[in-house]
Amino acid sequence: MCPRQYISENGKLMEPALFRKIVDEIAKHDVEAVVPFFRGESLLHPEFLDMISYLKEKSSAAIQLATNAQLLTDKISDRLLELEIDFISFSLDSIVAETYKKIRVGGTLEKAMQNISAFLDRKKSLAQDKPIVQVSATKCEHNEEEIPGFIEHWQDRVDRVRIYPQHSEDGKFGKLSNNASASQRERRPCKKPFADMVIYYNGNTAICNHDWQRPQKDSPGSVSNQSINQIWNSDLYKQIREKHIKLKYEGLSPCAHCDNWQEFDDKNGSVGKLISA
């Protein structure tokens, strides 16, 4: 459910000073959302709560977080609820202990379930709308038959349940597994190069959430020594957008083999199956 095994750098953390630089620029613009996680578990960062607090103080952008809930202590839950982040997604994949152990090696289902339940109880006791709570699973060979039960278990407990398709399992980032329908459909430009920017822990930028390992030489720029605005309007970014408009993807990574352009082509506007409460 995660292509981390295909990237060379794992376990690196963004410096708080760099994070504040990013936020200070974001605060000057009408940014729709900030998603403070990528290629890892954000709750591992020792200064994560202080960084989210700074983001909340400086910007009106929606804050959207995903976590596996293993480190979701009562203290962290209380703080996230106090900050009224806008959205949180719990990546769970199964409610069966043996299946969970196969998919999420090293994790403990009981701990995740307890932490999520405690978070939901705290939110209910505060009678607040934020955050919207999602629980997700990535369908794979281990949990495929369990998906109906997974949905039934969570549907009345959270705001949304999402079932994602497996992807990137062959090292080609963004490629959906066994997606025969993609080759039969007319390709459309992806909206991500026109709407999103990914910033790695070291400040280097990438073009979307499936751009897991863009070489520095191919990066549109680094926010450590440039502004987001400069990078967004750079020649390289313009060239990438032009290729999408003209449907010329040859040599363009990860777009050439990515199927997630369908996210913006389907009626529900999202990858996977979304079930609302």
C-alpha atoms as a PDB file:
ATOM      1  CA  MET A   1       0.000   0.000   0.000  1.00  0.00           C
ATOM      2  CA  CYS A   2       3.057   2.267   0.012  1.00  0.00           C
ATOM      3  CA  PRO A   3       5.987   2.485  -2.431  1.00  0.00           C
ATOM      4  CA  ARG A   4       8.576   3.489   0.178  1.00  0.00           C
ATOM      5  CA  GLN A   5      10.644   0.417  -0.701  1.00  0.00           C
ATOM      6  CA  TYR A   6      11.424   2.014  -4.052  1.00  0.00           C
ATOM      7  CA  ILE A   7      12.948   5.231  -2.719  1.00  0.00           C
ATOM      8  CA  SER A   8      16.509   5.704  -1.494  1.00  0.00           C
ATOM      9  CA  GLU A   9      15.907   8.231   1.280  1.00  0.00           C
ATOM     10  CA  ASN A  10      13.730   7.303   4.235  1.00  0.00           C
ATOM     11  CA  GLY A  11      13.431   8.622   7.766  1.00  0.00           C
ATOM     12  CA  LYS A  12      14.457  12.217   7.071  1.00  0.00           C
ATOM     13  CA  LEU A  13      12.669  15.102   8.835  1.00  0.00           C
ATOM     14  CA  MET A  14      12.030  18.652   7.684  1.00  0.00           C
ATOM     15  CA  GLU A  15      13.785  21.299   9.754  1.00  0.00           C
ATOM     16  CA  PRO A  16      11.292  23.515  11.633  1.00  0.00           C
ATOM     17  CA  ALA A  17      12.999  26.652  10.277  1.00  0.00           C
ATOM     18  CA  LEU A  18      12.375  25.508   6.705  1.00  0.00           C
ATOM     19  CA  PHE A  19       8.774  24.669   7.575  1.00  0.00           C
ATOM     20  CA  ARG A  20       8.244  28.166   9.003  1.00  0.00           C
ATOM     21  CA  LYS A  21       9.761  29.717   5.850  1.00  0.00           C
ATOM     22  CA  ILE A  22       7.265  27.788   3.745  1.00  0.00           C
ATOM     23  CA  VAL A  23       4.355  28.760   5.981  1.00  0.00           C
ATOM     24  CA  ASP A  24       5.358  32.434   5.996  1.00  0.00           C
ATOM     25  CA  GLU A  25       5.089  32.512   2.217  1.00  0.00           C
ATOM     26  CA  ILE A  26       1.884  30.471   2.137  1.00  0.00           C
ATOM     27  CA  ALA A  27       0.322  32.966   4.536  1.00  0.00           C
ATOM     28  CA  LYS A  28       0.610  35.680   1.864  1.00  0.00           C
ATOM     29  CA  HIS A  29      -1.446  33.761  -0.688  1.00  0.00           C
ATOM     30  CA  ASP A  30      -4.862  32.162  -1.056  1.00  0.00           C
ATOM     31  CA  VAL A  31      -3.777  28.548  -0.582  1.00  0.00           C
ATOM     32  CA  GLU A  32      -6.599  26.006  -0.464  1.00  0.00           C
ATOM     33  CA  ALA A  33      -4.945  23.309   1.641  1.00  0.00           C
ATOM     34  CA  VAL A  34      -1.681  22.260   3.243  1.00  0.00           C
ATOM     35  CA  VAL A  35      -1.026  18.537   3.642  1.00  0.00           C
ATOM     36  CA  PRO A  36       1.795  18.178   6.203  1.00  0.00           C
ATOM     37  CA  PHE A  37       2.933  14.647   5.468  1.00  0.00           C
ATOM     38  CA  PHE A  38       4.704  12.828   2.654  1.00  0.00           C
ATOM     39  CA  ARG A  39       6.741   9.625   2.376  1.00  0.00           C
ATOM     40  CA  GLY A  40       6.401   8.936   6.096  1.00  0.00           C
ATOM     41  CA  GLU A  41       4.572   9.234   9.413  1.00  0.00           C
ATOM     42  CA  SER A  42       4.322  12.865  10.502  1.00  0.00           C
ATOM     43  CA  LEU A  43       3.737  12.038  14.170  1.00  0.00           C
ATOM     44  CA  LEU A  44       7.347  10.811  14.323  1.00  0.00           C
ATOM     45  CA  HIS A  45       8.532  14.419  14.057  1.00  0.00           C
ATOM     46  CA  PRO A  46       9.318  15.611  17.606  1.00  0.00           C
ATOM     47  CA  GLU A  47       8.191  19.173  16.808  1.00  0.00           C
ATOM     48  CA  PHE A  48       5.162  18.267  14.715  1.00  0.00           C
ATOM     49  CA  LEU A  49       2.537  19.818  16.994  1.00  0.00           C
ATOM     50  CA  ASP A  50       4.459  23.097  17.265  1.00  0.00           C
ATOM     51  CA  MET A  51       4.778  23.206  13.473  1.00  0.00           C
ATOM     52  CA  ILE A  52       1.054  22.593  12.962  1.00  0.00           C
ATOM     53  CA  SER A  53       0.288  25.257  15.558  1.00  0.00           C
ATOM     54  CA  TYR A  54       2.452  27.732  13.605  1.00  0.00           C
ATOM     55  CA  LEU A  55       0.684  26.805  10.371  1.00  0.00           C
ATOM     56  CA  LYS A  56      -2.721  27.289  11.994  1.00  0.00           C
ATOM     57  CA  GLU A  57      -1.672  30.655  13.422  1.00  0.00           C
ATOM     58  CA  LYS A  58      -0.265  32.047  10.189  1.00  0.00           C
ATOM     59  CA  SER A  59      -2.476  30.642   7.441  1.00  0.00           C
ATOM     60  CA  SER A  60      -6.165  30.091   6.764  1.00  0.00           C
ATOM     61  CA  ALA A  61      -5.424  27.124   4.484  1.00  0.00           C
ATOM     62  CA  ALA A  62      -7.175  23.877   5.368  1.00  0.00           C
ATOM     63  CA  ILE A  63      -4.901  21.435   7.212  1.00  0.00           C
ATOM     64  CA  GLN A  64      -5.228  17.832   6.010  1.00  0.00           C
ATOM     65  CA  LEU A  65      -3.358  15.056   7.803  1.00  0.00           C
ATOM     66  CA  ALA A  66      -2.970  11.290   7.374  1.00  0.00           C
ATOM     67  CA  THR A  67      -1.536   8.963  10.005  1.00  0.00           C
ATOM     68  CA  ASN A  68      -1.393   5.262  10.818  1.00  0.00           C
ATOM     69  CA  ALA A  69      -2.501   6.169  14.393  1.00  0.00           C
ATOM     70  CA  GLN A  70       0.243   4.104  16.045  1.00  0.00           C
ATOM     71  CA  LEU A  71       1.626   7.217  17.781  1.00  0.00           C
ATOM     72  CA  LEU A  72      -1.702   8.992  18.313  1.00  0.00           C
ATOM     73  CA  THR A  73      -1.468   9.551  22.064  1.00  0.00           C
ATOM     74  CA  ASP A  74      -4.159  11.272  24.136  1.00  0.00           C
ATOM     75  CA  LYS A  75      -1.967  14.386  24.249  1.00  0.00           C
ATOM     76  CA  ILE A  76      -1.608  14.525  20.473  1.00  0.00           C
ATOM     77  CA  SER A  77      -5.314  13.868  19.951  1.00  0.00           C
ATOM     78  CA  ASP A  78      -6.266  16.653  22.339  1.00  0.00           C
ATOM     79  CA  ARG A  79      -3.916  19.097  20.639  1.00  0.00           C
ATOM     80  CA  LEU A  80      -5.093  18.282  17.114  1.00  0.00           C
ATOM     81  CA  LEU A  81      -8.690  18.727  18.227  1.00  0.00           C
ATOM     82  CA  GLU A  82      -7.811  21.971  19.980  1.00  0.00           C
ATOM     83  CA  LEU A  83      -6.152  23.246  16.803  1.00  0.00           C
ATOM     84  CA  GLU A  84      -9.244  22.220  14.826  1.00  0.00           C
ATOM     85  CA  ILE A  85      -7.369  20.801  11.865  1.00  0.00           C
ATOM     86  CA  ASP A  86      -9.758  20.321   8.977  1.00  0.00           C
ATOM     87  CA  PHE A  87      -9.279  16.695   7.985  1.00  0.00           C
ATOM     88  CA  ILE A  88      -7.594  13.565   9.314  1.00  0.00           C
ATOM     89  CA  SER A  89      -7.353  10.191   7.591  1.00  0.00           C
ATOM     90  CA  PHE A  90      -6.433   7.040   9.487  1.00  0.00           C
ATOM     91  CA  SER A  91      -4.625   4.514   7.285  1.00  0.00           C
ATOM     92  CA  LEU A  92      -5.705   1.143   8.642  1.00  0.00           C
ATOM     93  CA  ASP A  93      -6.189  -1.394   5.796  1.00  0.00           C
ATOM     94  CA  SER A  94      -7.809  -4.079   7.938  1.00  0.00           C
ATOM     95  CA  ILE A  95      -9.702  -4.749  11.169  1.00  0.00           C
ATOM     96  CA  VAL A  96      -8.418  -8.345  11.296  1.00  0.00           C
ATOM     97  CA  ALA A  97      -5.243  -8.676  13.350  1.00  0.00           C
ATOM     98  CA  GLU A  98      -3.554 -11.316  11.196  1.00  0.00           C
ATOM     99  CA  THR A  99      -4.265  -9.420   7.992  1.00  0.00           C
ATOM    100  CA  TYR A 100      -3.098  -6.139   9.496  1.00  0.00           C
ATOM    101  CA  LYS A 101       0.156  -7.805  10.550  1.00  0.00           C
ATOM    102  CA  LYS A 102       0.801  -8.929   6.957  1.00  0.00           C
ATOM    103  CA  ILE A 103       0.116  -5.515   5.431  1.00  0.00           C
ATOM    104  CA  ARG A 104       1.437  -3.145   8.094  1.00  0.00           C
ATOM    105  CA  VAL A 105       4.552  -4.928   9.266  1.00  0.00           C
ATOM    106  CA  GLY A 106       5.613  -3.761  12.715  1.00  0.00           C
ATOM    107  CA  GLY A 107       2.285  -2.127  13.503  1.00  0.00           C
ATOM    108  CA  THR A 108      -0.253  -3.277  16.075  1.00  0.00           C
ATOM    109  CA  LEU A 109      -3.915  -3.311  15.108  1.00  0.00           C
ATOM    110  CA  GLU A 110      -5.116  -3.171  18.716  1.00  0.00           C
ATOM    111  CA  LYS A 111      -3.110  -0.026  19.373  1.00  0.00           C
ATOM    112  CA  ALA A 112      -4.326   1.663  16.198  1.00  0.00           C
ATOM    113  CA  MET A 113      -7.964   0.794  16.924  1.00  0.00           C
ATOM    114  CA  GLN A 114      -7.730   2.007  20.510  1.00  0.00           C
ATOM    115  CA  ASN A 115      -6.112   5.275  19.472  1.00  0.00           C
ATOM    116  CA  ILE A 116      -8.668   5.952  16.748  1.00  0.00           C
ATOM    117  CA  SER A 117     -11.569   5.132  19.078  1.00  0.00           C
ATOM    118  CA  ALA A 118     -10.145   7.444  21.750  1.00  0.00           C
ATOM    119  CA  PHE A 119      -9.815  10.238  19.186  1.00  0.00           C
ATOM    120  CA  LEU A 120     -13.423   9.768  18.053  1.00  0.00           C
ATOM    121  CA  ASP A 121     -14.648   9.767  21.660  1.00  0.00           C
ATOM    122  CA  ARG A 122     -12.770  12.986  22.399  1.00  0.00           C
ATOM    123  CA  LYS A 123     -14.154  14.658  19.297  1.00  0.00           C
ATOM    124  CA  LYS A 124     -17.692  13.578  20.204  1.00  0.00           C
ATOM    125  CA  SER A 125     -17.331  14.878  23.763  1.00  0.00           C
ATOM    126  CA  LEU A 126     -16.324  18.282  22.386  1.00  0.00           C
ATOM    127  CA  ALA A 127     -19.294  18.295  19.976  1.00  0.00           C
ATOM    128  CA  GLN A 128     -17.164  19.891  17.274  1.00  0.00           C
ATOM    129  CA  ASP A 129     -17.357  19.417  13.527  1.00  0.00           C
ATOM    130  CA  LYS A 130     -13.631  19.475  12.867  1.00  0.00           C
ATOM    131  CA  PRO A 131     -11.818  17.524  11.767  1.00  0.00           C
ATOM    132  CA  ILE A 132     -13.616  15.493   9.130  1.00  0.00           C
ATOM    133  CA  VAL A 133     -12.510  11.938   9.970  1.00  0.00           C
ATOM    134  CA  GLN A 134     -11.723   9.328   7.331  1.00  0.00           C
ATOM    135  CA  VAL A 135     -10.594   5.724   7.725  1.00  0.00           C
ATOM    136  CA  SER A 136      -8.953   4.163   4.689  1.00  0.00           C
ATOM    137  CA  ALA A 137      -7.831   0.833   3.293  1.00  0.00           C
ATOM    138  CA  THR A 138      -5.802   0.016   0.211  1.00  0.00           C
ATOM    139  CA  LYS A 139      -7.311  -3.046  -1.450  1.00  0.00           C
ATOM    140  CA  CYS A 140      -4.756  -5.806  -2.033  1.00  0.00           C
ATOM    141  CA  GLU A 141      -4.551  -9.592  -2.140  1.00  0.00           C
ATOM    142  CA  HIS A 142      -4.456  -9.819   1.672  1.00  0.00           C
ATOM    143  CA  ASN A 143      -7.605  -7.841   2.486  1.00  0.00           C
ATOM    144  CA  GLU A 144      -9.751  -7.943  -0.661  1.00  0.00           C
ATOM    145  CA  GLU A 145     -12.390 -10.252   0.824  1.00  0.00           C
ATOM    146  CA  GLU A 146     -12.503  -8.235   4.050  1.00  0.00           C
ATOM    147  CA  ILE A 147     -13.334  -4.891   2.443  1.00  0.00           C
ATOM    148  CA  PRO A 148     -17.161  -5.147   2.856  1.00  0.00           C
ATOM    149  CA  GLY A 149     -16.731  -5.887   6.565  1.00  0.00           C
ATOM    150  CA  PHE A 150     -14.213  -3.044   6.889  1.00  0.00           C
ATOM    151  CA  ILE A 151     -16.709  -0.591   5.394  1.00  0.00           C
ATOM    152  CA  GLU A 152     -19.563  -1.888   7.550  1.00  0.00           C
ATOM    153  CA  HIS A 153     -17.467  -1.572  10.713  1.00  0.00           C
ATOM    154  CA  TRP A 154     -16.508   2.078  10.133  1.00  0.00           C
ATOM    155  CA  GLN A 155     -19.310   3.559   8.075  1.00  0.00           C
ATOM    156  CA  ASP A 156     -21.411   4.743  11.024  1.00  0.00           C
ATOM    157  CA  ARG A 157     -18.416   5.712  13.189  1.00  0.00           C
ATOM    158  CA  VAL A 158     -16.548   8.146  10.944  1.00  0.00           C
ATOM    159  CA  ASP A 159     -17.406  10.758   8.333  1.00  0.00           C
ATOM    160  CA  ARG A 160     -15.883   8.875   5.415  1.00  0.00           C
ATOM    161  CA  VAL A 161     -14.465   5.485   4.512  1.00  0.00           C
ATOM    162  CA  ARG A 162     -12.200   5.317   1.470  1.00  0.00           C
ATOM    163  CA  ILE A 163     -10.978   2.222  -0.317  1.00  0.00           C
ATOM    164  CA  TYR A 164      -7.944   2.960  -2.476  1.00  0.00           C
ATOM    165  CA  PRO A 165      -6.688   0.833  -5.362  1.00  0.00           C
ATOM    166  CA  GLN A 166      -3.218  -0.636  -5.009  1.00  0.00           C
ATOM    167  CA  HIS A 167      -0.589   1.279  -6.970  1.00  0.00           C
ATOM    168  CA  SER A 168       3.127   1.608  -7.639  1.00  0.00           C
ATOM    169  CA  GLU A 169       3.714  -2.050  -6.765  1.00  0.00           C
ATOM    170  CA  ASP A 170       6.134  -2.442  -9.697  1.00  0.00           C
ATOM    171  CA  GLY A 171       8.136   0.657  -8.801  1.00  0.00           C
ATOM    172  CA  LYS A 172       6.325   2.816 -11.359  1.00  0.00           C
ATOM    173  CA  PHE A 173       4.907   5.553  -9.162  1.00  0.00           C
ATOM    174  CA  GLY A 174       1.207   6.236  -9.657  1.00  0.00           C
ATOM    175  CA  LYS A 175       0.529   3.196 -11.824  1.00  0.00           C
ATOM    176  CA  LEU A 176      -2.667   1.497 -10.661  1.00  0.00           C
ATOM    177  CA  SER A 177      -2.558  -2.274 -10.279  1.00  0.00           C
ATOM    178  CA  ASN A 178      -4.337  -4.374 -12.914  1.00  0.00           C
ATOM    179  CA  ASN A 179      -5.899  -1.277 -14.412  1.00  0.00           C
ATOM    180  CA  ALA A 180      -7.055  -2.583 -17.760  1.00  0.00           C
ATOM    181  CA  SER A 181      -9.630   0.178 -18.121  1.00  0.00           C
ATOM    182  CA  ALA A 182      -7.017   2.945 -18.215  1.00  0.00           C
ATOM    183  CA  SER A 183      -5.621   1.853 -21.578  1.00  0.00           C
ATOM    184  CA  GLN A 184      -9.118   1.840 -23.037  1.00  0.00           C
ATOM    185  CA  ARG A 185      -9.952   5.381 -22.017  1.00  0.00           C
ATOM    186  CA  GLU A 186      -8.994   8.634 -23.644  1.00  0.00           C
ATOM    187  CA  ARG A 187      -6.156  10.209 -21.730  1.00  0.00           C
ATOM    188  CA  ARG A 188      -6.821  13.551 -20.066  1.00  0.00           C
ATOM    189  CA  PRO A 189      -4.348  16.106 -18.673  1.00  0.00           C
ATOM    190  CA  CYS A 190      -3.854  15.708 -14.943  1.00  0.00           C
ATOM    191  CA  LYS A 191      -4.765  18.708 -12.822  1.00  0.00           C
ATOM    192  CA  LYS A 192      -2.001  18.187 -10.285  1.00  0.00           C
ATOM    193  CA  PRO A 193       0.734  20.174 -12.090  1.00  0.00           C
ATOM    194  CA  PHE A 194      -1.737  23.061 -12.247  1.00  0.00           C
ATOM    195  CA  ALA A 195      -2.923  22.856  -8.627  1.00  0.00           C
ATOM    196  CA  ASP A 196      -0.456  21.033  -6.362  1.00  0.00           C
ATOM    197  CA  MET A 197       3.153  21.231  -5.297  1.00  0.00           C
ATOM    198  CA  VAL A 198       5.052  18.713  -3.205  1.00  0.00           C
ATOM    199  CA  ILE A 199       7.939  19.852  -1.017  1.00  0.00           C
ATOM    200  CA  TYR A 200      10.366  17.185   0.197  1.00  0.00           C
ATOM    201  CA  TYR A 201      11.912  17.299   3.671  1.00  0.00           C
ATOM    202  CA  ASN A 202      15.020  19.099   2.291  1.00  0.00           C
ATOM    203  CA  GLY A 203      13.090  21.790   0.406  1.00  0.00           C
ATOM    204  CA  ASN A 204      13.357  20.241  -3.063  1.00  0.00           C
ATOM    205  CA  THR A 205      10.066  20.284  -4.928  1.00  0.00           C
ATOM    206  CA  ALA A 206       8.106  17.741  -6.952  1.00  0.00           C
ATOM    207  CA  ILE A 207       4.961  17.960  -9.033  1.00  0.00           C
ATOM    208  CA  CYS A 208       2.511  15.701  -7.206  1.00  0.00           C
ATOM    209  CA  ASN A 209       1.964  13.134  -4.460  1.00  0.00           C
ATOM    210  CA  HIS A 210       3.021  10.326  -6.830  1.00  0.00           C
ATOM    211  CA  ASP A 211       6.346  12.017  -7.560  1.00  0.00           C
ATOM    212  CA  TRP A 212       8.050  10.018  -4.821  1.00  0.00           C
ATOM    213  CA  GLN A 213      11.688  10.379  -5.884  1.00  0.00           C
ATOM    214  CA  ARG A 214      12.348  13.208  -8.313  1.00  0.00           C
ATOM    215  CA  PRO A 215      16.112  13.639  -8.804  1.00  0.00           C
ATOM    216  CA  GLN A 216      17.453  16.999  -7.674  1.00  0.00           C
ATOM    217  CA  LYS A 217      18.579  17.794 -11.219  1.00  0.00           C
ATOM    218  CA  ASP A 218      14.945  17.434 -12.377  1.00  0.00           C
ATOM    219  CA  SER A 219      13.415  19.316  -9.468  1.00  0.00           C
ATOM    220  CA  PRO A 220      11.568  22.531 -10.379  1.00  0.00           C
ATOM    221  CA  GLY A 221      13.555  24.185  -7.572  1.00  0.00           C
ATOM    222  CA  SER A 222      14.172  24.263  -3.842  1.00  0.00           C
ATOM    223  CA  VAL A 223      12.283  26.381  -1.328  1.00  0.00           C
ATOM    224  CA  SER A 224      15.439  26.464   0.785  1.00  0.00           C
ATOM    225  CA  ASN A 225      16.855  29.131  -1.549  1.00  0.00           C
ATOM    226  CA  GLN A 226      13.866  30.173  -3.712  1.00  0.00           C
ATOM    227  CA  SER A 227      10.319  31.259  -3.098  1.00  0.00           C
ATOM    228  CA  ILE A 228       7.385  28.952  -3.825  1.00  0.00           C
ATOM    229  CA  ASN A 229       6.157  31.594  -6.262  1.00  0.00           C
ATOM    230  CA  GLN A 230       9.441  31.522  -8.218  1.00  0.00           C
ATOM    231  CA  ILE A 231       9.330  27.740  -8.491  1.00  0.00           C
ATOM    232  CA  TRP A 232       5.629  27.653  -9.408  1.00  0.00           C
ATOM    233  CA  ASN A 233       6.300  30.019 -12.316  1.00  0.00           C
ATOM    234  CA  SER A 234       9.617  28.467 -13.354  1.00  0.00           C
ATOM    235  CA  ASP A 235      10.369  27.421 -16.927  1.00  0.00           C
ATOM    236  CA  LEU A 236      10.480  23.740 -15.935  1.00  0.00           C
ATOM    237  CA  TYR A 237       7.029  23.873 -14.354  1.00  0.00           C
ATOM    238  CA  LYS A 238       5.695  25.612 -17.446  1.00  0.00           C
ATOM    239  CA  GLN A 239       7.204  22.912 -19.645  1.00  0.00           C
ATOM    240  CA  ILE A 240       5.596  20.170 -17.555  1.00  0.00           C
ATOM    241  CA  ARG A 241       2.182  21.836 -17.803  1.00  0.00           C
ATOM    242  CA  GLU A 242       2.612  22.313 -21.547  1.00  0.00           C
ATOM    243  CA  LYS A 243       3.305  18.579 -21.971  1.00  0.00           C
ATOM    244  CA  HIS A 244       0.101  17.792 -20.102  1.00  0.00           C
ATOM    245  CA  ILE A 245      -1.933  20.181 -22.231  1.00  0.00           C
ATOM    246  CA  LYS A 246      -0.533  18.600 -25.400  1.00  0.00           C
ATOM    247  CA  LEU A 247      -0.754  15.052 -23.971  1.00  0.00           C
ATOM    248  CA  LYS A 248       2.973  14.575 -24.607  1.00  0.00           C
ATOM    249  CA  TYR A 249       4.087  12.399 -21.695  1.00  0.00           C
ATOM    250  CA  GLU A 250       7.061  10.566 -23.150  1.00  0.00           C
ATOM    251  CA  GLY A 251      10.051  10.937 -20.859  1.00  0.00           C
ATOM    252  CA  LEU A 252       7.993  12.784 -18.240  1.00  0.00           C
ATOM    253  CA  SER A 253       8.212  11.073 -14.861  1.00  0.00           C
ATOM    254  CA  PRO A 254       6.036   9.942 -13.168  1.00  0.00           C
ATOM    255  CA  CYS A 255       3.289  11.068 -15.565  1.00  0.00           C
ATOM    256  CA  ALA A 256       4.178   8.763 -18.474  1.00  0.00           C
ATOM    257  CA  HIS A 257       3.010   5.621 -16.665  1.00  0.00           C
ATOM    258  CA  CYS A 258       0.710   7.117 -14.000  1.00  0.00           C
ATOM    259  CA  ASP A 259      -3.000   6.259 -14.073  1.00  0.00           C
ATOM    260  CA  ASN A 260      -4.113   8.708 -11.416  1.00  0.00           C
ATOM    261  CA  TRP A 261      -5.131  11.320 -13.997  1.00  0.00           C
ATOM    262  CA  GLN A 262      -8.438   9.440 -13.744  1.00  0.00           C
ATOM    263  CA  GLU A 263      -8.878  10.995 -10.307  1.00  0.00           C
ATOM    264  CA  PHE A 264     -10.084  14.106 -12.114  1.00  0.00           C
ATOM    265  CA  ASP A 265     -11.893  12.262 -14.884  1.00  0.00           C
ATOM    266  CA  ASP A 266     -14.316  10.234 -12.768  1.00  0.00           C
ATOM    267  CA  LYS A 267     -17.631  11.606 -11.602  1.00  0.00           C
ATOM    268  CA  ASN A 268     -16.782  11.390  -7.891  1.00  0.00           C
ATOM    269  CA  GLY A 269     -13.543  13.304  -8.475  1.00  0.00           C
ATOM    270  CA  SER A 270     -11.371  10.944  -6.462  1.00  0.00           C
ATOM    271  CA  VAL A 271      -9.329   7.780  -6.716  1.00  0.00           C
ATOM    272  CA  GLY A 272     -10.888   4.761  -5.087  1.00  0.00           C
ATOM    273  CA  LYS A 273     -14.299   4.148  -3.569  1.00  0.00           C
ATOM    274  CA  LEU A 274     -15.567   6.795  -1.160  1.00  0.00           C
ATOM    275  CA  ILE A 275     -18.317   5.960   1.323  1.00  0.00           C
ATOM    276  CA  SER A 276     -19.782   8.826   3.322  1.00  0.00           C
ATOM    277  CA  ALA A 277     -21.600   8.429   6.624  1.00  0.00           C
END
